[in-house]
Amino acid sequence: MRAMVLAAGLGTRLRPLTDDRPKALVTLGGQTLLEITLERLRGFGVREAIINVHHHAEMICAYLKDNGSFGMRVEISREEKLLDTGGGLKKAAWFFLESGKDEPFLVHNVDVISAIDLAAMVRFHAERKALATLAAQNRETARPLLFDQDGQLRGRGPAKADSMKAQTLAFAGIHLVSPRIFEKLSEEGAFSIVDAYVRLAAQGETIAGFRADGAYWRDLGRPEDLARAERELKAGAMGAMRKDPS
């Protein structure tokens, strides 16, 4: 399986830590966020990954070279202008299409850590024959997504939740995607992949929500989030994260 690590953002919420480095090279528990993410993916069986870069891009390239790409084939997708999550994914399409196979791939934000059951997520994706599957949790979020009782994406919330008999869930920044999506991404330039998912779901494509309510998960977008995660990892959360439950 292949994967994409989304790491091109400016990391403005992490300032001043990102004043002189990309957010991918901010450290947590003695490891960079990029190392933690690649280690998690490699532990699941991913051997080939592509990383989009922009802010302090050369630092990431040098870091990967110095560490032998952590035993993986790692390609770099440079963004001279930020393309957001959808544009960044579309620019990297070649990497997922070169094999000619319709094998799903993982997309993982570099600034989240989790113990979400990736193996169960892959099985769910296959069972649903989904175009894309989003790891989703029942927790507070400023950007809720609406899923119906069958787990199909129905839009953004929470305004229409009651009328649609849908539930608002939080996207965990981890998704499983079929390469078939690239022929359906009509958007150009910089765009949000979630916006594209909402559009595709409305057109009848299966965009599924994989429930990961009980799994450890943390967003690392702010210095206080890093401090909280540091405490949690010292208490044992790192062990759970490193070993996929399946």
C-alpha atoms as a PDB file:
ATOM      1  CA  MET A   1       0.000   0.000   0.000  1.00  0.00           C
ATOM      2  CA  ARG A   2       1.058   3.551  -0.728  1.00  0.00           C
ATOM      3  CA  ALA A   3       0.370   6.726   1.222  1.00  0.00           C
ATOM      4  CA  MET A   4       0.505  10.486   1.052  1.00  0.00           C
ATOM      5  CA  VAL A   5       1.600  12.632   3.971  1.00  0.00           C
ATOM      6  CA  LEU A   6       0.151  16.133   3.860  1.00  0.00           C
ATOM      7  CA  ALA A   7       2.931  18.368   5.159  1.00  0.00           C
ATOM      8  CA  ALA A   8       2.959  21.499   2.992  1.00  0.00           C
ATOM      9  CA  GLY A   9       1.098  23.842   5.345  1.00  0.00           C
ATOM     10  CA  LEU A  10       2.723  26.859   6.941  1.00  0.00           C
ATOM     11  CA  GLY A  11       1.992  25.655  10.464  1.00  0.00           C
ATOM     12  CA  THR A  12       0.921  29.129  11.556  1.00  0.00           C
ATOM     13  CA  ARG A  13      -0.897  27.814  14.628  1.00  0.00           C
ATOM     14  CA  LEU A  14       2.369  26.255  15.822  1.00  0.00           C
ATOM     15  CA  ARG A  15       4.320  29.509  15.836  1.00  0.00           C
ATOM     16  CA  PRO A  16       6.908  30.302  17.089  1.00  0.00           C
ATOM     17  CA  LEU A  17       7.965  26.649  16.667  1.00  0.00           C
ATOM     18  CA  THR A  18       7.515  26.903  12.892  1.00  0.00           C
ATOM     19  CA  ASP A  19       9.299  30.203  12.423  1.00  0.00           C
ATOM     20  CA  ASP A  20      12.498  28.391  11.429  1.00  0.00           C
ATOM     21  CA  ARG A  21      11.246  24.937  10.419  1.00  0.00           C
ATOM     22  CA  PRO A  22       8.283  23.219   8.773  1.00  0.00           C
ATOM     23  CA  LYS A  23       5.646  21.742  11.038  1.00  0.00           C
ATOM     24  CA  ALA A  24       6.711  18.280   9.870  1.00  0.00           C
ATOM     25  CA  LEU A  25      10.005  18.775  11.726  1.00  0.00           C
ATOM     26  CA  VAL A  26       8.506  19.979  14.994  1.00  0.00           C
ATOM     27  CA  THR A  27       9.296  17.386  17.639  1.00  0.00           C
ATOM     28  CA  LEU A  28       7.144  15.394  20.014  1.00  0.00           C
ATOM     29  CA  GLY A  29       8.683  13.035  22.527  1.00  0.00           C
ATOM     30  CA  GLY A  30      12.078  13.291  20.831  1.00  0.00           C
ATOM     31  CA  GLN A  31      10.738  12.489  17.358  1.00  0.00           C
ATOM     32  CA  THR A  32       9.674  14.770  14.555  1.00  0.00           C
ATOM     33  CA  LEU A  33       6.037  14.688  13.512  1.00  0.00           C
ATOM     34  CA  LEU A  34       7.186  13.401  10.123  1.00  0.00           C
ATOM     35  CA  GLU A  35       9.101  10.515  11.669  1.00  0.00           C
ATOM     36  CA  ILE A  36       6.124   9.604  13.856  1.00  0.00           C
ATOM     37  CA  THR A  37       3.811   9.600  10.834  1.00  0.00           C
ATOM     38  CA  LEU A  38       6.137   7.586   8.598  1.00  0.00           C
ATOM     39  CA  GLU A  39       6.819   5.135  11.414  1.00  0.00           C
ATOM     40  CA  ARG A  40       3.084   4.660  11.908  1.00  0.00           C
ATOM     41  CA  LEU A  41       2.551   4.077   8.178  1.00  0.00           C
ATOM     42  CA  ARG A  42       5.520   1.749   7.883  1.00  0.00           C
ATOM     43  CA  GLY A  43       4.296  -0.249  10.861  1.00  0.00           C
ATOM     44  CA  PHE A  44       1.030  -0.764   9.002  1.00  0.00           C
ATOM     45  CA  GLY A  45       2.830  -2.024   5.918  1.00  0.00           C
ATOM     46  CA  VAL A  46       3.216   1.103   3.791  1.00  0.00           C
ATOM     47  CA  ARG A  47       6.537   1.001   1.960  1.00  0.00           C
ATOM     48  CA  GLU A  48       6.061   3.841  -0.532  1.00  0.00           C
ATOM     49  CA  ALA A  49       4.926   7.357   0.304  1.00  0.00           C
ATOM     50  CA  ILE A  50       4.804  10.823  -1.180  1.00  0.00           C
ATOM     51  CA  ILE A  51       5.047  14.002   0.892  1.00  0.00           C
ATOM     52  CA  ASN A  52       3.909  17.420  -0.280  1.00  0.00           C
ATOM     53  CA  VAL A  53       6.196  20.244   0.819  1.00  0.00           C
ATOM     54  CA  HIS A  54       6.265  24.035   0.667  1.00  0.00           C
ATOM     55  CA  HIS A  55       7.356  25.837   3.853  1.00  0.00           C
ATOM     56  CA  HIS A  56      11.094  25.175   4.430  1.00  0.00           C
ATOM     57  CA  ALA A  57      10.881  22.413   1.836  1.00  0.00           C
ATOM     58  CA  GLU A  58      14.653  21.916   1.605  1.00  0.00           C
ATOM     59  CA  MET A  59      14.822  21.108   5.313  1.00  0.00           C
ATOM     60  CA  ILE A  60      12.425  18.207   4.818  1.00  0.00           C
ATOM     61  CA  CYS A  61      14.367  16.918   1.814  1.00  0.00           C
ATOM     62  CA  ALA A  62      17.645  17.068   3.740  1.00  0.00           C
ATOM     63  CA  TYR A  63      16.070  15.435   6.781  1.00  0.00           C
ATOM     64  CA  LEU A  64      14.787  12.505   4.732  1.00  0.00           C
ATOM     65  CA  LYS A  65      18.178  12.075   3.046  1.00  0.00           C
ATOM     66  CA  ASP A  66      19.994  12.123   6.389  1.00  0.00           C
ATOM     67  CA  ASN A  67      17.658   9.440   7.740  1.00  0.00           C
ATOM     68  CA  GLY A  68      17.551   7.187   4.700  1.00  0.00           C
ATOM     69  CA  SER A  69      13.856   8.004   4.221  1.00  0.00           C
ATOM     70  CA  PHE A  70      13.267   5.749   7.226  1.00  0.00           C
ATOM     71  CA  GLY A  71      13.603   2.634   5.111  1.00  0.00           C
ATOM     72  CA  MET A  72      10.867   3.605   2.669  1.00  0.00           C
ATOM     73  CA  ARG A  73      10.606   4.858  -0.871  1.00  0.00           C
ATOM     74  CA  VAL A  74       9.670   8.486  -0.320  1.00  0.00           C
ATOM     75  CA  GLU A  75       8.879  10.909  -3.128  1.00  0.00           C
ATOM     76  CA  ILE A  76       8.529  14.671  -2.760  1.00  0.00           C
ATOM     77  CA  SER A  77       5.761  16.785  -4.301  1.00  0.00           C
ATOM     78  CA  ARG A  78       6.893  20.412  -4.235  1.00  0.00           C
ATOM     79  CA  GLU A  79       4.261  23.125  -4.160  1.00  0.00           C
ATOM     80  CA  GLU A  80       5.546  26.544  -5.200  1.00  0.00           C
ATOM     81  CA  LYS A  81       2.123  27.850  -4.214  1.00  0.00           C
ATOM     82  CA  LEU A  82       0.065  26.102  -1.573  1.00  0.00           C
ATOM     83  CA  LEU A  83      -2.551  23.895  -3.200  1.00  0.00           C
ATOM     84  CA  ASP A  84      -4.573  22.969  -0.097  1.00  0.00           C
ATOM     85  CA  THR A  85      -5.418  19.327   0.578  1.00  0.00           C
ATOM     86  CA  GLY A  86      -7.288  18.642  -2.664  1.00  0.00           C
ATOM     87  CA  GLY A  87      -4.908  20.430  -4.982  1.00  0.00           C
ATOM     88  CA  GLY A  88      -1.959  18.803  -3.257  1.00  0.00           C
ATOM     89  CA  LEU A  89      -3.472  15.353  -3.647  1.00  0.00           C
ATOM     90  CA  LYS A  90      -4.311  15.973  -7.310  1.00  0.00           C
ATOM     91  CA  LYS A  91      -0.734  17.120  -8.024  1.00  0.00           C
ATOM     92  CA  ALA A  92       0.535  13.830  -6.602  1.00  0.00           C
ATOM     93  CA  ALA A  93      -1.829  11.717  -8.717  1.00  0.00           C
ATOM     94  CA  TRP A  94       1.023  10.337 -10.830  1.00  0.00           C
ATOM     95  CA  PHE A  95       2.427   8.521  -7.800  1.00  0.00           C
ATOM     96  CA  PHE A  96      -0.769   6.554  -7.245  1.00  0.00           C
ATOM     97  CA  LEU A  97      -1.475   5.916 -10.907  1.00  0.00           C
ATOM     98  CA  GLU A  98       1.954   4.701 -12.013  1.00  0.00           C
ATOM     99  CA  SER A  99       1.284   1.080 -11.021  1.00  0.00           C
ATOM    100  CA  GLY A 100      -1.930   0.934 -13.027  1.00  0.00           C
ATOM    101  CA  LYS A 101      -3.677  -0.761 -10.106  1.00  0.00           C
ATOM    102  CA  ASP A 102      -6.846   0.396  -8.378  1.00  0.00           C
ATOM    103  CA  GLU A 103      -5.372  -0.235  -4.929  1.00  0.00           C
ATOM    104  CA  PRO A 104      -6.555   2.258  -2.314  1.00  0.00           C
ATOM    105  CA  PHE A 105      -4.005   4.506  -0.652  1.00  0.00           C
ATOM    106  CA  LEU A 106      -3.841   6.296   2.677  1.00  0.00           C
ATOM    107  CA  VAL A 107      -3.732  10.057   3.113  1.00  0.00           C
ATOM    108  CA  HIS A 108      -2.480  11.216   6.516  1.00  0.00           C
ATOM    109  CA  ASN A 109      -2.033  14.716   7.935  1.00  0.00           C
ATOM    110  CA  VAL A 110       1.449  15.112   9.384  1.00  0.00           C
ATOM    111  CA  ASP A 111       0.091  17.009  12.392  1.00  0.00           C
ATOM    112  CA  VAL A 112      -2.198  14.311  13.776  1.00  0.00           C
ATOM    113  CA  ILE A 113      -1.321  11.196  15.734  1.00  0.00           C
ATOM    114  CA  SER A 114      -3.658   8.320  16.402  1.00  0.00           C
ATOM    115  CA  ALA A 115      -4.172   4.655  17.192  1.00  0.00           C
ATOM    116  CA  ILE A 116      -7.023   4.372  14.691  1.00  0.00           C
ATOM    117  CA  ASP A 117      -7.349   0.793  13.433  1.00  0.00           C
ATOM    118  CA  LEU A 118      -6.073   1.170   9.892  1.00  0.00           C
ATOM    119  CA  ALA A 119      -6.588  -2.502   9.017  1.00  0.00           C
ATOM    120  CA  ALA A 120     -10.255  -2.301   9.985  1.00  0.00           C
ATOM    121  CA  MET A 121     -10.540   0.900   7.990  1.00  0.00           C
ATOM    122  CA  VAL A 122      -9.181  -0.847   4.875  1.00  0.00           C
ATOM    123  CA  ARG A 123     -11.672  -3.702   5.318  1.00  0.00           C
ATOM    124  CA  PHE A 124     -14.525  -1.224   5.751  1.00  0.00           C
ATOM    125  CA  HIS A 125     -13.465   0.666   2.628  1.00  0.00           C
ATOM    126  CA  ALA A 126     -13.455  -2.548   0.597  1.00  0.00           C
ATOM    127  CA  GLU A 127     -16.803  -3.717   1.950  1.00  0.00           C
ATOM    128  CA  ARG A 128     -18.417  -0.404   1.071  1.00  0.00           C
ATOM    129  CA  LYS A 129     -16.704  -0.255  -2.324  1.00  0.00           C
ATOM    130  CA  ALA A 130     -16.090   3.363  -1.411  1.00  0.00           C
ATOM    131  CA  LEU A 131     -14.431   6.001  -3.519  1.00  0.00           C
ATOM    132  CA  ALA A 132     -13.070   7.457  -0.289  1.00  0.00           C
ATOM    133  CA  THR A 133     -13.355   6.584   3.391  1.00  0.00           C
ATOM    134  CA  LEU A 134     -12.822   9.194   6.087  1.00  0.00           C
ATOM    135  CA  ALA A 135     -11.853   8.304   9.646  1.00  0.00           C
ATOM    136  CA  ALA A 136     -14.479  10.107  11.748  1.00  0.00           C
ATOM    137  CA  GLN A 137     -15.126  10.520  15.450  1.00  0.00           C
ATOM    138  CA  ASN A 138     -17.971  11.685  17.633  1.00  0.00           C
ATOM    139  CA  ARG A 139     -16.316  14.664  19.305  1.00  0.00           C
ATOM    140  CA  GLU A 140     -16.487  18.427  19.274  1.00  0.00           C
ATOM    141  CA  THR A 141     -15.149  20.129  16.178  1.00  0.00           C
ATOM    142  CA  ALA A 142     -15.389  23.517  14.524  1.00  0.00           C
ATOM    143  CA  ARG A 143     -15.821  21.845  11.116  1.00  0.00           C
ATOM    144  CA  PRO A 144     -18.378  19.043  11.508  1.00  0.00           C
ATOM    145  CA  LEU A 145     -19.314  16.729   8.671  1.00  0.00           C
ATOM    146  CA  LEU A 146     -22.732  15.161   8.223  1.00  0.00           C
ATOM    147  CA  PHE A 147     -23.073  11.396   7.820  1.00  0.00           C
ATOM    148  CA  ASP A 148     -26.335   9.524   7.461  1.00  0.00           C
ATOM    149  CA  GLN A 149     -27.295   6.329   9.303  1.00  0.00           C
ATOM    150  CA  ASP A 150     -25.502   4.240   6.694  1.00  0.00           C
ATOM    151  CA  GLY A 151     -22.268   6.174   7.163  1.00  0.00           C
ATOM    152  CA  GLN A 152     -22.532   8.061   3.856  1.00  0.00           C
ATOM    153  CA  LEU A 153     -21.280  11.644   3.730  1.00  0.00           C
ATOM    154  CA  ARG A 154     -24.201  14.059   3.298  1.00  0.00           C
ATOM    155  CA  GLY A 155     -22.550  17.448   3.654  1.00  0.00           C
ATOM    156  CA  ARG A 156     -21.338  19.807   6.309  1.00  0.00           C
ATOM    157  CA  GLY A 157     -23.093  20.469   9.572  1.00  0.00           C
ATOM    158  CA  PRO A 158     -24.566  20.993  11.972  1.00  0.00           C
ATOM    159  CA  ALA A 159     -27.422  23.110  10.580  1.00  0.00           C
ATOM    160  CA  LYS A 160     -29.082  20.343   8.537  1.00  0.00           C
ATOM    161  CA  ALA A 161     -28.395  17.416  10.838  1.00  0.00           C
ATOM    162  CA  ASP A 162     -31.885  17.045  12.320  1.00  0.00           C
ATOM    163  CA  SER A 163     -33.788  17.523   9.073  1.00  0.00           C
ATOM    164  CA  MET A 164     -31.590  14.978   7.297  1.00  0.00           C
ATOM    165  CA  LYS A 165     -31.556  12.475  10.195  1.00  0.00           C
ATOM    166  CA  ALA A 166     -27.803  12.695   9.986  1.00  0.00           C
ATOM    167  CA  GLN A 167     -25.097  12.819  12.631  1.00  0.00           C
ATOM    168  CA  THR A 168     -22.314  15.357  12.875  1.00  0.00           C
ATOM    169  CA  LEU A 169     -18.865  13.836  13.182  1.00  0.00           C
ATOM    170  CA  ALA A 170     -15.323  15.168  13.224  1.00  0.00           C
ATOM    171  CA  PHE A 171     -12.887  14.250  10.462  1.00  0.00           C
ATOM    172  CA  ALA A 172      -9.665  12.811  11.878  1.00  0.00           C
ATOM    173  CA  GLY A 173      -7.341  13.840   9.042  1.00  0.00           C
ATOM    174  CA  ILE A 174      -6.833  10.236   7.901  1.00  0.00           C
ATOM    175  CA  HIS A 175      -8.546   8.945   4.770  1.00  0.00           C
ATOM    176  CA  LEU A 176      -8.412   5.971   2.428  1.00  0.00           C
ATOM    177  CA  VAL A 177      -8.865   6.797  -1.239  1.00  0.00           C
ATOM    178  CA  SER A 178      -9.281   4.873  -4.478  1.00  0.00           C
ATOM    179  CA  PRO A 179      -7.166   6.111  -7.408  1.00  0.00           C
ATOM    180  CA  ARG A 180     -10.443   6.286  -9.347  1.00  0.00           C
ATOM    181  CA  ILE A 181     -10.990   9.610  -7.632  1.00  0.00           C
ATOM    182  CA  PHE A 182      -8.495  11.407  -9.866  1.00  0.00           C
ATOM    183  CA  GLU A 183     -10.708  11.129 -12.933  1.00  0.00           C
ATOM    184  CA  LYS A 184     -13.506  12.715 -10.922  1.00  0.00           C
ATOM    185  CA  LEU A 185     -11.624  15.691  -9.469  1.00  0.00           C
ATOM    186  CA  SER A 186     -12.754  18.476 -11.770  1.00  0.00           C
ATOM    187  CA  GLU A 187     -11.479  21.163  -9.392  1.00  0.00           C
ATOM    188  CA  GLU A 188      -8.314  23.015 -10.395  1.00  0.00           C
ATOM    189  CA  GLY A 189      -5.630  24.857  -8.474  1.00  0.00           C
ATOM    190  CA  ALA A 190      -5.929  25.084  -4.712  1.00  0.00           C
ATOM    191  CA  PHE A 191      -8.980  23.384  -3.235  1.00  0.00           C
ATOM    192  CA  SER A 192     -10.071  21.401  -0.199  1.00  0.00           C
ATOM    193  CA  ILE A 193     -10.380  17.651  -0.667  1.00  0.00           C
ATOM    194  CA  VAL A 194     -13.272  17.663   1.808  1.00  0.00           C
ATOM    195  CA  ASP A 195     -15.159  20.089  -0.446  1.00  0.00           C
ATOM    196  CA  ALA A 196     -14.559  17.677  -3.321  1.00  0.00           C
ATOM    197  CA  TYR A 197     -15.804  14.788  -1.182  1.00  0.00           C
ATOM    198  CA  VAL A 198     -19.010  16.687  -0.402  1.00  0.00           C
ATOM    199  CA  ARG A 199     -19.546  17.363  -4.098  1.00  0.00           C
ATOM    200  CA  LEU A 200     -18.878  13.773  -5.111  1.00  0.00           C
ATOM    201  CA  ALA A 201     -21.135  12.396  -2.379  1.00  0.00           C
ATOM    202  CA  ALA A 202     -23.958  14.621  -3.622  1.00  0.00           C
ATOM    203  CA  GLN A 203     -23.414  13.149  -7.081  1.00  0.00           C
ATOM    204  CA  GLY A 204     -23.946   9.629  -5.774  1.00  0.00           C
ATOM    205  CA  GLU A 205     -20.384   8.501  -5.095  1.00  0.00           C
ATOM    206  CA  THR A 206     -19.774   6.474  -1.942  1.00  0.00           C
ATOM    207  CA  ILE A 207     -17.856   8.699   0.469  1.00  0.00           C
ATOM    208  CA  ALA A 208     -17.983   6.750   3.711  1.00  0.00           C
ATOM    209  CA  GLY A 209     -17.303   7.563   7.328  1.00  0.00           C
ATOM    210  CA  PHE A 210     -15.310   4.987   9.292  1.00  0.00           C
ATOM    211  CA  ARG A 211     -16.191   5.349  12.973  1.00  0.00           C
ATOM    212  CA  ALA A 212     -13.113   5.558  15.162  1.00  0.00           C
ATOM    213  CA  ASP A 213     -14.703   6.947  18.319  1.00  0.00           C
ATOM    214  CA  GLY A 214     -12.696   4.983  20.881  1.00  0.00           C
ATOM    215  CA  ALA A 215      -9.265   5.301  19.294  1.00  0.00           C
ATOM    216  CA  TYR A 216      -6.577   7.586  20.656  1.00  0.00           C
ATOM    217  CA  TRP A 217      -6.297  10.697  18.447  1.00  0.00           C
ATOM    218  CA  ARG A 218      -4.791  14.127  18.815  1.00  0.00           C
ATOM    219  CA  ASP A 219      -4.463  17.142  16.557  1.00  0.00           C
ATOM    220  CA  LEU A 220      -1.040  18.760  17.004  1.00  0.00           C
ATOM    221  CA  GLY A 221      -1.810  22.120  15.494  1.00  0.00           C
ATOM    222  CA  ARG A 222      -0.879  24.277  18.488  1.00  0.00           C
ATOM    223  CA  PRO A 223       1.961  24.288  21.050  1.00  0.00           C
ATOM    224  CA  GLU A 224      -0.513  23.453  23.817  1.00  0.00           C
ATOM    225  CA  ASP A 225      -1.680  20.432  21.812  1.00  0.00           C
ATOM    226  CA  LEU A 226       1.904  19.205  21.655  1.00  0.00           C
ATOM    227  CA  ALA A 227       2.283  19.628  25.414  1.00  0.00           C
ATOM    228  CA  ARG A 228      -0.911  17.671  26.033  1.00  0.00           C
ATOM    229  CA  ALA A 229       0.137  14.890  23.684  1.00  0.00           C
ATOM    230  CA  GLU A 230       3.545  14.758  25.343  1.00  0.00           C
ATOM    231  CA  ARG A 231       1.889  14.017  28.676  1.00  0.00           C
ATOM    232  CA  GLU A 232      -0.384  11.414  27.115  1.00  0.00           C
ATOM    233  CA  LEU A 233       2.445   9.648  25.323  1.00  0.00           C
ATOM    234  CA  LYS A 234       4.449   9.460  28.523  1.00  0.00           C
ATOM    235  CA  ALA A 235       1.398   7.802  30.061  1.00  0.00           C
ATOM    236  CA  GLY A 236       1.457   5.069  27.426  1.00  0.00           C
ATOM    237  CA  ALA A 237      -0.468   6.347  24.430  1.00  0.00           C
ATOM    238  CA  MET A 238       2.584   6.004  22.159  1.00  0.00           C
ATOM    239  CA  GLY A 239       2.653   2.241  22.607  1.00  0.00           C
ATOM    240  CA  ALA A 240      -0.973   2.006  21.531  1.00  0.00           C
ATOM    241  CA  MET A 241      -0.283   4.221  18.552  1.00  0.00           C
ATOM    242  CA  ARG A 242       2.711   2.260  17.307  1.00  0.00           C
ATOM    243  CA  LYS A 243       0.930  -1.051  17.264  1.00  0.00           C
ATOM    244  CA  ASP A 244      -2.060  -1.333  14.969  1.00  0.00           C
ATOM    245  CA  PRO A 245      -4.908  -2.978  16.933  1.00  0.00           C
ATOM    246  CA  SER A 246      -5.399  -5.544  14.154  1.00  0.00           C
END
